[in-house]
Amino acid sequence: MANAIYNFFFNLLDHEALSSAPSAYFNNGWNAIKQLFNAFFSSR
């Protein structure tokens, strides 16, 4: 259940935010945040 919510949430953000991201810096930072969330959800 948590994984489904996680996938929906980040897929939505990928389409809305990353498709129009102003800089590579933002993309790199966001990917790092997603990796942290992914590690958190995977450990549960």
C-alpha atoms as a PDB file:
ATOM      1  CA  MET A   1       0.000   0.000   0.000  1.00  0.00           C
ATOM      2  CA  ALA A   2       2.723   2.465   0.967  1.00  0.00           C
ATOM      3  CA  ASN A   3       4.639   1.517  -2.181  1.00  0.00           C
ATOM      4  CA  ALA A   4       1.604   2.268  -4.368  1.00  0.00           C
ATOM      5  CA  ILE A   5       1.194   5.683  -2.743  1.00  0.00           C
ATOM      6  CA  TYR A   6       4.930   6.313  -3.132  1.00  0.00           C
ATOM      7  CA  ASN A   7       4.853   5.430  -6.832  1.00  0.00           C
ATOM      8  CA  PHE A   8       1.780   7.563  -7.508  1.00  0.00           C
ATOM      9  CA  PHE A   9       3.224  10.526  -5.601  1.00  0.00           C
ATOM     10  CA  PHE A  10       6.603  10.507  -7.305  1.00  0.00           C
ATOM     11  CA  ASN A  11       5.229   9.745 -10.766  1.00  0.00           C
ATOM     12  CA  LEU A  12       2.992  12.783 -10.382  1.00  0.00           C
ATOM     13  CA  LEU A  13       5.911  14.944  -9.290  1.00  0.00           C
ATOM     14  CA  ASP A  14       8.089  13.598 -12.101  1.00  0.00           C
ATOM     15  CA  HIS A  15       5.553  14.669 -14.715  1.00  0.00           C
ATOM     16  CA  GLU A  16       4.580  18.006 -13.167  1.00  0.00           C
ATOM     17  CA  ALA A  17       7.858  19.243 -11.691  1.00  0.00           C
ATOM     18  CA  LEU A  18      10.794  17.520 -13.368  1.00  0.00           C
ATOM     19  CA  SER A  19       9.467  17.974 -16.904  1.00  0.00           C
ATOM     20  CA  SER A  20       9.702  21.740 -16.393  1.00  0.00           C
ATOM     21  CA  ALA A  21      12.621  21.828 -13.961  1.00  0.00           C
ATOM     22  CA  PRO A  22      14.649  25.039 -14.381  1.00  0.00           C
ATOM     23  CA  SER A  23      18.089  23.528 -13.816  1.00  0.00           C
ATOM     24  CA  ALA A  24      20.188  20.388 -13.626  1.00  0.00           C
ATOM     25  CA  TYR A  25      20.961  21.314 -10.024  1.00  0.00           C
ATOM     26  CA  PHE A  26      17.304  20.904  -9.126  1.00  0.00           C
ATOM     27  CA  ASN A  27      17.118  17.553 -10.927  1.00  0.00           C
ATOM     28  CA  ASN A  28      20.194  16.226  -9.131  1.00  0.00           C
ATOM     29  CA  GLY A  29      18.899  17.341  -5.753  1.00  0.00           C
ATOM     30  CA  TRP A  30      15.459  15.865  -6.394  1.00  0.00           C
ATOM     31  CA  ASN A  31      16.951  12.539  -7.502  1.00  0.00           C
ATOM     32  CA  ALA A  32      18.933  12.410  -4.253  1.00  0.00           C
ATOM     33  CA  ILE A  33      15.742  13.079  -2.266  1.00  0.00           C
ATOM     34  CA  LYS A  34      13.923  10.330  -4.171  1.00  0.00           C
ATOM     35  CA  GLN A  35      16.739   7.898  -3.400  1.00  0.00           C
ATOM     36  CA  LEU A  36      16.437   8.705   0.310  1.00  0.00           C
ATOM     37  CA  PHE A  37      12.672   8.148   0.223  1.00  0.00           C
ATOM     38  CA  ASN A  38      13.163   4.944  -1.745  1.00  0.00           C
ATOM     39  CA  ALA A  39      15.615   3.631   0.869  1.00  0.00           C
ATOM     40  CA  PHE A  40      13.164   4.584   3.625  1.00  0.00           C
ATOM     41  CA  PHE A  41      10.223   2.771   2.005  1.00  0.00           C
ATOM     42  CA  SER A  42      12.348  -0.237   1.064  1.00  0.00           C
ATOM     43  CA  SER A  43      13.470  -0.712   4.660  1.00  0.00           C
ATOM     44  CA  ARG A  44       9.863  -1.094   5.882  1.00  0.00           C
END
